[in-house]
């Protein structure tokens, strides 16, 4: 199981590095499009509770989804993560 976890961490690191190499203005436009797609989805529309992550570094900024969900009266939760071991 450890090998799968390590592989997942490596893949995530590679993708974050690739995303960080994209200019900030391009990332922002992509983030906006991603958020619009989430907000337009049936999964979002029918959900009473939304689980998101808090974006750090070059991760997709999903905070507009949080803001829209709270404004719509939905519950929003964020996982608690340990940065040392990614748990």
PDB file of N, CA and C in Angstrom:
ATOM      1  N   UNK A   1       0.818  -1.198   0.000  1.00  0.00           N
ATOM      2  CA  UNK A   1       0.000   0.000   0.000  1.00  0.00           C
ATOM      3  C   UNK A   1       0.864   1.264   0.000  1.00  0.00           C
ATOM      4  N   UNK A   2       2.015   1.192   0.661  1.00  0.00           N
ATOM      5  CA  UNK A   2       2.906   2.345   0.708  1.00  0.00           C
ATOM      6  C   UNK A   2       3.323   2.776  -0.695  1.00  0.00           C
ATOM      7  N   UNK A   3       3.570   1.813  -1.577  1.00  0.00           N
ATOM      8  CA  UNK A   3       4.000   2.140  -2.944  1.00  0.00           C
ATOM      9  C   UNK A   3       2.914   2.921  -3.689  1.00  0.00           C
ATOM     10  N   UNK A   4       1.686   2.556  -3.498  1.00  0.00           N
ATOM     11  CA  UNK A   4       0.585   3.277  -4.152  1.00  0.00           C
ATOM     12  C   UNK A   4       0.527   4.704  -3.630  1.00  0.00           C
ATOM     13  N   UNK A   5       0.636   4.876  -2.337  1.00  0.00           N
ATOM     14  CA  UNK A   5       0.599   6.210  -1.729  1.00  0.00           C
ATOM     15  C   UNK A   5       1.754   7.071  -2.246  1.00  0.00           C
ATOM     16  N   UNK A   6       2.953   6.490  -2.297  1.00  0.00           N
ATOM     17  CA  UNK A   6       4.117   7.222  -2.798  1.00  0.00           C
ATOM     18  C   UNK A   6       3.924   7.603  -4.260  1.00  0.00           C
ATOM     19  N   UNK A   7       3.391   6.689  -5.041  1.00  0.00           N
ATOM     20  CA  UNK A   7       3.142   6.958  -6.464  1.00  0.00           C
ATOM     21  C   UNK A   7       2.142   8.110  -6.615  1.00  0.00           C
ATOM     22  N   UNK A   8       1.103   8.099  -5.814  1.00  0.00           N
ATOM     23  CA  UNK A   8       0.090   9.159  -5.858  1.00  0.00           C
ATOM     24  C   UNK A   8       0.721  10.513  -5.504  1.00  0.00           C
ATOM     25  N   UNK A   9       1.564  10.539  -4.493  1.00  0.00           N
ATOM     26  CA  UNK A   9       2.238  11.779  -4.093  1.00  0.00           C
ATOM     27  C   UNK A   9       3.145  12.274  -5.213  1.00  0.00           C
ATOM     28  N   UNK A  10       3.864  11.360  -5.858  1.00  0.00           N
ATOM     29  CA  UNK A  10       4.748  11.737  -6.970  1.00  0.00           C
ATOM     30  C   UNK A  10       3.970  12.314  -8.149  1.00  0.00           C
ATOM     31  N   UNK A  11       2.870  11.688  -8.490  1.00  0.00           N
ATOM     32  CA  UNK A  11       2.038  12.179  -9.598  1.00  0.00           C
ATOM     33  C   UNK A  11       1.508  13.575  -9.275  1.00  0.00           C
ATOM     34  N   UNK A  12       1.021  13.762  -8.060  1.00  0.00           N
ATOM     35  CA  UNK A  12       0.490  15.067  -7.647  1.00  0.00           C
ATOM     36  C   UNK A  12       1.581  16.128  -7.744  1.00  0.00           C
ATOM     37  N   UNK A  13       2.790  15.807  -7.287  1.00  0.00           N
ATOM     38  CA  UNK A  13       3.908  16.745  -7.339  1.00  0.00           C
ATOM     39  C   UNK A  13       4.223  17.133  -8.786  1.00  0.00           C
ATOM     40  N   UNK A  14       4.254  16.150  -9.674  1.00  0.00           N
ATOM     41  CA  UNK A  14       4.547  16.418 -11.087  1.00  0.00           C
ATOM     42  C   UNK A  14       3.510  17.358 -11.703  1.00  0.00           C
ATOM     43  N   UNK A  15       2.247  17.100 -11.419  1.00  0.00           N
ATOM     44  CA  UNK A  15       1.189  17.934 -11.990  1.00  0.00           C
ATOM     45  C   UNK A  15       1.201  19.342 -11.403  1.00  0.00           C
ATOM     46  N   UNK A  16       1.497  19.463 -10.119  1.00  0.00           N
ATOM     47  CA  UNK A  16       1.581  20.794  -9.524  1.00  0.00           C
ATOM     48  C   UNK A  16       2.750  21.579 -10.106  1.00  0.00           C
ATOM     49  N   UNK A  17       3.855  20.911 -10.378  1.00  0.00           N
ATOM     50  CA  UNK A  17       4.998  21.584 -10.995  1.00  0.00           C
ATOM     51  C   UNK A  17       4.654  22.064 -12.405  1.00  0.00           C
ATOM     52  N   UNK A  18       3.957  21.225 -13.145  1.00  0.00           N
ATOM     53  CA  UNK A  18       3.547  21.622 -14.507  1.00  0.00           C
ATOM     54  C   UNK A  18       2.601  22.814 -14.447  1.00  0.00           C
ATOM     55  N   UNK A  19       1.652  22.784 -13.507  1.00  0.00           N
ATOM     56  CA  UNK A  19       0.688  23.875 -13.386  1.00  0.00           C
ATOM     57  C   UNK A  19       1.384  25.163 -12.941  1.00  0.00           C
ATOM     58  N   UNK A  20       2.365  25.049 -12.046  1.00  0.00           N
ATOM     59  CA  UNK A  20       3.089  26.227 -11.564  1.00  0.00           C
ATOM     60  C   UNK A  20       3.859  26.906 -12.693  1.00  0.00           C
ATOM     61  N   UNK A  21       4.218  26.144 -13.718  1.00  0.00           N
ATOM     62  CA  UNK A  21       4.957  26.702 -14.855  1.00  0.00           C
ATOM     63  C   UNK A  21       4.061  27.513 -15.789  1.00  0.00           C
ATOM     64  N   UNK A  22       2.761  27.398 -15.633  1.00  0.00           N
ATOM     65  CA  UNK A  22       1.810  28.142 -16.468  1.00  0.00           C
ATOM     66  C   UNK A  22       1.711  29.570 -15.918  1.00  0.00           C
ATOM     67  N   UNK A  23       1.718  30.581 -16.780  1.00  0.00           N
ATOM     68  CA  UNK A  23       1.609  31.962 -16.297  1.00  0.00           C
ATOM     69  C   UNK A  23       0.364  32.168 -15.424  1.00  0.00           C
ATOM     70  N   UNK A  24       0.492  33.013 -14.413  1.00  0.00           N
ATOM     71  CA  UNK A  24      -0.583  33.221 -13.435  1.00  0.00           C
ATOM     72  C   UNK A  24      -1.891  33.661 -14.082  1.00  0.00           C
ATOM     73  N   UNK A  25      -1.835  34.510 -15.096  1.00  0.00           N
ATOM     74  CA  UNK A  25      -3.072  34.979 -15.725  1.00  0.00           C
ATOM     75  C   UNK A  25      -3.783  33.844 -16.462  1.00  0.00           C
ATOM     76  N   UNK A  26      -3.013  32.959 -17.060  1.00  0.00           N
ATOM     77  CA  UNK A  26      -3.598  31.800 -17.755  1.00  0.00           C
ATOM     78  C   UNK A  26      -4.210  30.852 -16.727  1.00  0.00           C
ATOM     79  N   UNK A  27      -3.496  30.614 -15.616  1.00  0.00           N
ATOM     80  CA  UNK A  27      -4.039  29.761 -14.548  1.00  0.00           C
ATOM     81  C   UNK A  27      -5.336  30.328 -14.011  1.00  0.00           C
ATOM     82  N   UNK A  28      -5.394  31.645 -13.824  1.00  0.00           N
ATOM     83  CA  UNK A  28      -6.595  32.282 -13.282  1.00  0.00           C
ATOM     84  C   UNK A  28      -7.796  32.083 -14.212  1.00  0.00           C
ATOM     85  N   UNK A  29      -7.578  32.214 -15.517  1.00  0.00           N
ATOM     86  CA  UNK A  29      -8.664  31.994 -16.482  1.00  0.00           C
ATOM     87  C   UNK A  29      -9.122  30.540 -16.460  1.00  0.00           C
ATOM     88  N   UNK A  30      -8.168  29.621 -16.353  1.00  0.00           N
ATOM     89  CA  UNK A  30      -8.522  28.196 -16.284  1.00  0.00           C
ATOM     90  C   UNK A  30      -9.277  27.897 -14.993  1.00  0.00           C
ATOM     91  N   UNK A  31      -8.830  28.492 -13.892  1.00  0.00           N
ATOM     92  CA  UNK A  31      -9.506  28.292 -12.611  1.00  0.00           C
ATOM     93  C   UNK A  31     -10.955  28.761 -12.692  1.00  0.00           C
ATOM     94  N   UNK A  32     -11.158  29.917 -13.301  1.00  0.00           N
ATOM     95  CA  UNK A  32     -12.504  30.463 -13.450  1.00  0.00           C
ATOM     96  C   UNK A  32     -13.392  29.502 -14.249  1.00  0.00           C
ATOM     97  N   UNK A  33     -12.845  28.953 -15.318  1.00  0.00           N
ATOM     98  CA  UNK A  33     -13.604  28.010 -16.145  1.00  0.00           C
ATOM     99  C   UNK A  33     -13.928  26.740 -15.357  1.00  0.00           C
ATOM    100  N   UNK A  34     -12.971  26.243 -14.593  1.00  0.00           N
ATOM    101  CA  UNK A  34     -13.199  25.049 -13.771  1.00  0.00           C
ATOM    102  C   UNK A  34     -14.315  25.313 -12.771  1.00  0.00           C
ATOM    103  N   UNK A  35     -14.258  26.456 -12.107  1.00  0.00           N
ATOM    104  CA  UNK A  35     -15.289  26.794 -11.118  1.00  0.00           C
ATOM    105  C   UNK A  35     -16.667  26.926 -11.773  1.00  0.00           C
ATOM    106  N   UNK A  36     -16.722  27.543 -12.935  1.00  0.00           N
ATOM    107  CA  UNK A  36     -18.001  27.668 -13.643  1.00  0.00           C
ATOM    108  C   UNK A  36     -18.562  26.291 -13.989  1.00  0.00           C
ATOM    109  N   UNK A  37     -17.693  25.374 -14.407  1.00  0.00           N
ATOM    110  CA  UNK A  37     -18.142  24.018 -14.726  1.00  0.00           C
ATOM    111  C   UNK A  37     -18.665  23.300 -13.488  1.00  0.00           C
ATOM    112  N   UNK A  38     -17.979  23.479 -12.367  1.00  0.00           N
ATOM    113  CA  UNK A  38     -18.457  22.868 -11.119  1.00  0.00           C
ATOM    114  C   UNK A  38     -19.819  23.427 -10.751  1.00  0.00           C
ATOM    115  N   UNK A  39     -19.950  24.745 -10.784  1.00  0.00           N
ATOM    116  CA  UNK A  39     -21.206  25.388 -10.386  1.00  0.00           C
ATOM    117  C   UNK A  39     -22.360  25.048 -11.326  1.00  0.00           C
ATOM    118  N   UNK A  40     -22.072  24.690 -12.563  1.00  0.00           N
ATOM    119  CA  UNK A  40     -23.103  24.332 -13.526  1.00  0.00           C
ATOM    120  C   UNK A  40     -23.468  22.850 -13.477  1.00  0.00           C
ATOM    121  N   UNK A  41     -22.729  22.075 -12.707  1.00  0.00           N
ATOM    122  CA  UNK A  41     -22.949  20.625 -12.695  1.00  0.00           C
ATOM    123  C   UNK A  41     -24.166  20.235 -11.848  1.00  0.00           C
ATOM    124  N   UNK A  42     -24.767  19.131 -12.217  1.00  0.00           N
ATOM    125  CA  UNK A  42     -25.900  18.598 -11.448  1.00  0.00           C
ATOM    126  C   UNK A  42     -25.445  18.169 -10.063  1.00  0.00           C
ATOM    127  N   UNK A  43     -24.240  17.637  -9.967  1.00  0.00           N
ATOM    128  CA  UNK A  43     -23.716  17.205  -8.667  1.00  0.00           C
ATOM    129  C   UNK A  43     -23.688  18.385  -7.691  1.00  0.00           C
ATOM    130  N   UNK A  44     -23.236  19.537  -8.157  1.00  0.00           N
ATOM    131  CA  UNK A  44     -23.220  20.727  -7.307  1.00  0.00           C
ATOM    132  C   UNK A  44     -24.644  21.196  -7.008  1.00  0.00           C
ATOM    133  N   UNK A  45     -25.450  21.275  -8.036  1.00  0.00           N
ATOM    134  CA  UNK A  45     -26.805  21.811  -7.904  1.00  0.00           C
ATOM    135  C   UNK A  45     -27.614  21.059  -6.858  1.00  0.00           C
ATOM    136  N   UNK A  46     -27.490  19.738  -6.815  1.00  0.00           N
ATOM    137  CA  UNK A  46     -28.307  18.943  -5.905  1.00  0.00           C
ATOM    138  C   UNK A  46     -27.631  18.648  -4.570  1.00  0.00           C
ATOM    139  N   UNK A  47     -26.423  19.116  -4.402  1.00  0.00           N
ATOM    140  CA  UNK A  47     -25.703  18.860  -3.150  1.00  0.00           C
ATOM    141  C   UNK A  47     -26.139  19.838  -2.070  1.00  0.00           C
ATOM    142  N   UNK A  48     -26.282  19.318  -0.865  1.00  0.00           N
ATOM    143  CA  UNK A  48     -26.535  20.175   0.290  1.00  0.00           C
ATOM    144  C   UNK A  48     -25.232  20.521   0.995  1.00  0.00           C
ATOM    145  N   UNK A  49     -24.238  19.655   0.816  1.00  0.00           N
ATOM    146  CA  UNK A  49     -22.924  19.834   1.430  1.00  0.00           C
ATOM    147  C   UNK A  49     -21.845  19.695   0.359  1.00  0.00           C
ATOM    148  N   UNK A  50     -20.825  20.535   0.447  1.00  0.00           N
ATOM    149  CA  UNK A  50     -19.749  20.547  -0.533  1.00  0.00           C
ATOM    150  C   UNK A  50     -18.431  20.349   0.217  1.00  0.00           C
ATOM    151  N   UNK A  51     -17.620  19.409  -0.229  1.00  0.00           N
ATOM    152  CA  UNK A  51     -16.289  19.202   0.328  1.00  0.00           C
ATOM    153  C   UNK A  51     -15.271  19.742  -0.666  1.00  0.00           C
ATOM    154  N   UNK A  52     -14.479  20.694  -0.224  1.00  0.00           N
ATOM    155  CA  UNK A  52     -13.456  21.306  -1.065  1.00  0.00           C
ATOM    156  C   UNK A  52     -12.110  21.205  -0.378  1.00  0.00           C
ATOM    157  N   UNK A  53     -11.059  21.612  -1.070  1.00  0.00           N
ATOM    158  CA  UNK A  53      -9.745  21.744  -0.462  1.00  0.00           C
ATOM    159  C   UNK A  53      -9.403  23.220  -0.495  1.00  0.00           C
ATOM    160  N   UNK A  54      -8.564  23.651   0.425  1.00  0.00           N
ATOM    161  CA  UNK A  54      -8.105  25.036   0.401  1.00  0.00           C
ATOM    162  C   UNK A  54      -6.883  25.100  -0.507  1.00  0.00           C
ATOM    163  N   UNK A  55      -6.966  25.878  -1.588  1.00  0.00           N
ATOM    164  CA  UNK A  55      -5.871  25.891  -2.559  1.00  0.00           C
ATOM    165  C   UNK A  55      -4.598  26.527  -2.001  1.00  0.00           C
ATOM    166  N   UNK A  56      -3.496  25.866  -2.237  1.00  0.00           N
ATOM    167  CA  UNK A  56      -2.185  26.406  -1.878  1.00  0.00           C
ATOM    168  C   UNK A  56      -1.300  26.364  -3.109  1.00  0.00           C
ATOM    169  N   UNK A  57      -0.332  27.253  -3.121  1.00  0.00           N
ATOM    170  CA  UNK A  57       0.614  27.353  -4.232  1.00  0.00           C
ATOM    171  C   UNK A  57      -0.133  27.474  -5.551  1.00  0.00           C
ATOM    172  N   UNK A  58       0.115  26.594  -6.490  1.00  0.00           N
ATOM    173  CA  UNK A  58      -0.476  26.716  -7.825  1.00  0.00           C
ATOM    174  C   UNK A  58      -1.708  25.834  -8.012  1.00  0.00           C
ATOM    175  N   UNK A  59      -2.300  25.357  -6.923  1.00  0.00           N
ATOM    176  CA  UNK A  59      -3.496  24.516  -7.057  1.00  0.00           C
ATOM    177  C   UNK A  59      -4.665  25.339  -7.603  1.00  0.00           C
ATOM    178  N   UNK A  60      -5.630  24.656  -8.190  1.00  0.00           N
ATOM    179  CA  UNK A  60      -6.809  25.327  -8.725  1.00  0.00           C
ATOM    180  C   UNK A  60      -7.510  26.072  -7.596  1.00  0.00           C
ATOM    181  N   UNK A  61      -7.796  27.351  -7.820  1.00  0.00           N
ATOM    182  CA  UNK A  61      -8.480  28.161  -6.821  1.00  0.00           C
ATOM    183  C   UNK A  61      -9.981  27.867  -6.883  1.00  0.00           C
ATOM    184  N   UNK A  62     -10.457  27.071  -5.938  1.00  0.00           N
ATOM    185  CA  UNK A  62     -11.874  26.701  -5.890  1.00  0.00           C
ATOM    186  C   UNK A  62     -12.643  27.556  -4.880  1.00  0.00           C
ATOM    187  N   UNK A  63     -12.027  28.617  -4.370  1.00  0.00           N
ATOM    188  CA  UNK A  63     -12.704  29.456  -3.385  1.00  0.00           C
ATOM    189  C   UNK A  63     -13.964  30.129  -3.938  1.00  0.00           C
ATOM    190  N   UNK A  64     -14.035  30.458  -5.243  1.00  0.00           N
ATOM    191  CA  UNK A  64     -15.309  30.972  -5.751  1.00  0.00           C
ATOM    192  C   UNK A  64     -16.455  29.954  -5.613  1.00  0.00           C
ATOM    193  N   UNK A  65     -16.143  28.670  -5.693  1.00  0.00           N
ATOM    194  CA  UNK A  65     -17.167  27.637  -5.482  1.00  0.00           C
ATOM    195  C   UNK A  65     -17.634  27.688  -4.032  1.00  0.00           C
ATOM    196  N   UNK A  66     -16.692  27.848  -3.105  1.00  0.00           N
ATOM    197  CA  UNK A  66     -17.043  27.963  -1.700  1.00  0.00           C
ATOM    198  C   UNK A  66     -17.967  29.161  -1.471  1.00  0.00           C
ATOM    199  N   UNK A  67     -17.604  30.291  -2.032  1.00  0.00           N
ATOM    200  CA  UNK A  67     -18.394  31.509  -1.854  1.00  0.00           C
ATOM    201  C   UNK A  67     -19.811  31.336  -2.407  1.00  0.00           C
ATOM    202  N   UNK A  68     -19.917  30.735  -3.581  1.00  0.00           N
ATOM    203  CA  UNK A  68     -21.233  30.512  -4.187  1.00  0.00           C
ATOM    204  C   UNK A  68     -22.049  29.526  -3.367  1.00  0.00           C
ATOM    205  N   UNK A  69     -21.395  28.489  -2.873  1.00  0.00           N
ATOM    206  CA  UNK A  69     -22.094  27.479  -2.075  1.00  0.00           C
ATOM    207  C   UNK A  69     -22.627  28.088  -0.782  1.00  0.00           C
ATOM    208  N   UNK A  70     -21.806  28.870  -0.108  1.00  0.00           N
ATOM    209  CA  UNK A  70     -22.253  29.510   1.130  1.00  0.00           C
ATOM    210  C   UNK A  70     -23.404  30.478   0.853  1.00  0.00           C
ATOM    211  N   UNK A  71     -23.299  31.234  -0.230  1.00  0.00           N
ATOM    212  CA  UNK A  71     -24.368  32.172  -0.597  1.00  0.00           C
ATOM    213  C   UNK A  71     -25.668  31.441  -0.909  1.00  0.00           C
ATOM    214  N   UNK A  72     -25.553  30.192  -1.390  1.00  0.00           N
ATOM    215  CA  UNK A  72     -26.735  29.383  -1.725  1.00  0.00           C
ATOM    216  C   UNK A  72     -27.254  28.607  -0.514  1.00  0.00           C
ATOM    217  N   UNK A  73     -26.609  28.791   0.638  1.00  0.00           N
ATOM    218  CA  UNK A  73     -27.062  28.109   1.845  1.00  0.00           C
ATOM    219  C   UNK A  73     -26.566  26.681   1.990  1.00  0.00           C
ATOM    220  N   UNK A  74     -25.572  26.309   1.214  1.00  0.00           N
ATOM    221  CA  UNK A  74     -25.012  24.964   1.312  1.00  0.00           C
ATOM    222  C   UNK A  74     -23.962  24.939   2.429  1.00  0.00           C
ATOM    223  N   UNK A  75     -23.729  23.773   2.984  1.00  0.00           N
ATOM    224  CA  UNK A  75     -22.651  23.608   3.947  1.00  0.00           C
ATOM    225  C   UNK A  75     -21.368  23.337   3.180  1.00  0.00           C
ATOM    226  N   UNK A  76     -20.265  23.904   3.645  1.00  0.00           N
ATOM    227  CA  UNK A  76     -18.971  23.722   2.995  1.00  0.00           C
ATOM    228  C   UNK A  76     -17.993  23.181   4.036  1.00  0.00           C
ATOM    229  N   UNK A  77     -17.236  22.160   3.661  1.00  0.00           N
ATOM    230  CA  UNK A  77     -16.241  21.579   4.561  1.00  0.00           C
ATOM    231  C   UNK A  77     -14.908  21.453   3.837  1.00  0.00           C
ATOM    232  N   UNK A  78     -13.839  21.562   4.617  1.00  0.00           N
ATOM    233  CA  UNK A  78     -12.485  21.399   4.116  1.00  0.00           C
ATOM    234  C   UNK A  78     -11.824  20.279   4.906  1.00  0.00           C
ATOM    235  N   UNK A  79     -11.095  19.384   4.242  1.00  0.00           N
ATOM    236  CA  UNK A  79     -10.399  18.333   4.992  1.00  0.00           C
ATOM    237  C   UNK A  79      -9.220  18.925   5.760  1.00  0.00           C
ATOM    238  N   UNK A  80      -8.880  18.261   6.805  1.00  0.00           N
ATOM    239  CA  UNK A  80      -7.710  18.658   7.581  1.00  0.00           C
ATOM    240  C   UNK A  80      -6.572  17.738   7.160  1.00  0.00           C
ATOM    241  N   UNK A  81      -5.468  18.310   6.711  1.00  0.00           N
ATOM    242  CA  UNK A  81      -4.372  17.510   6.156  1.00  0.00           C
ATOM    243  C   UNK A  81      -3.083  17.742   6.926  1.00  0.00           C
ATOM    244  N   UNK A  82      -2.276  16.701   6.972  1.00  0.00           N
ATOM    245  CA  UNK A  82      -0.957  16.772   7.587  1.00  0.00           C
ATOM    246  C   UNK A  82       0.059  16.935   6.463  1.00  0.00           C
ATOM    247  N   UNK A  83       0.700  18.091   6.412  1.00  0.00           N
ATOM    248  CA  UNK A  83       1.637  18.385   5.327  1.00  0.00           C
ATOM    249  C   UNK A  83       2.876  17.506   5.365  1.00  0.00           C
ATOM    250  N   UNK A  84       3.233  17.003   6.534  1.00  0.00           N
ATOM    251  CA  UNK A  84       4.456  16.207   6.649  1.00  0.00           C
ATOM    252  C   UNK A  84       4.340  14.863   5.930  1.00  0.00           C
ATOM    253  N   UNK A  85       3.214  14.177   6.116  1.00  0.00           N
ATOM    254  CA  UNK A  85       3.084  12.851   5.505  1.00  0.00           C
ATOM    255  C   UNK A  85       1.927  12.764   4.514  1.00  0.00           C
ATOM    256  N   UNK A  86       1.339  13.907   4.198  1.00  0.00           N
ATOM    257  CA  UNK A  86       0.244  13.984   3.215  1.00  0.00           C
ATOM    258  C   UNK A  86      -0.981  13.164   3.627  1.00  0.00           C
ATOM    259  N   UNK A  87      -1.164  12.985   4.900  1.00  0.00           N
ATOM    260  CA  UNK A  87      -2.347  12.234   5.350  1.00  0.00           C
ATOM    261  C   UNK A  87      -3.466  13.198   5.712  1.00  0.00           C
TER     262      UNK A  87
END
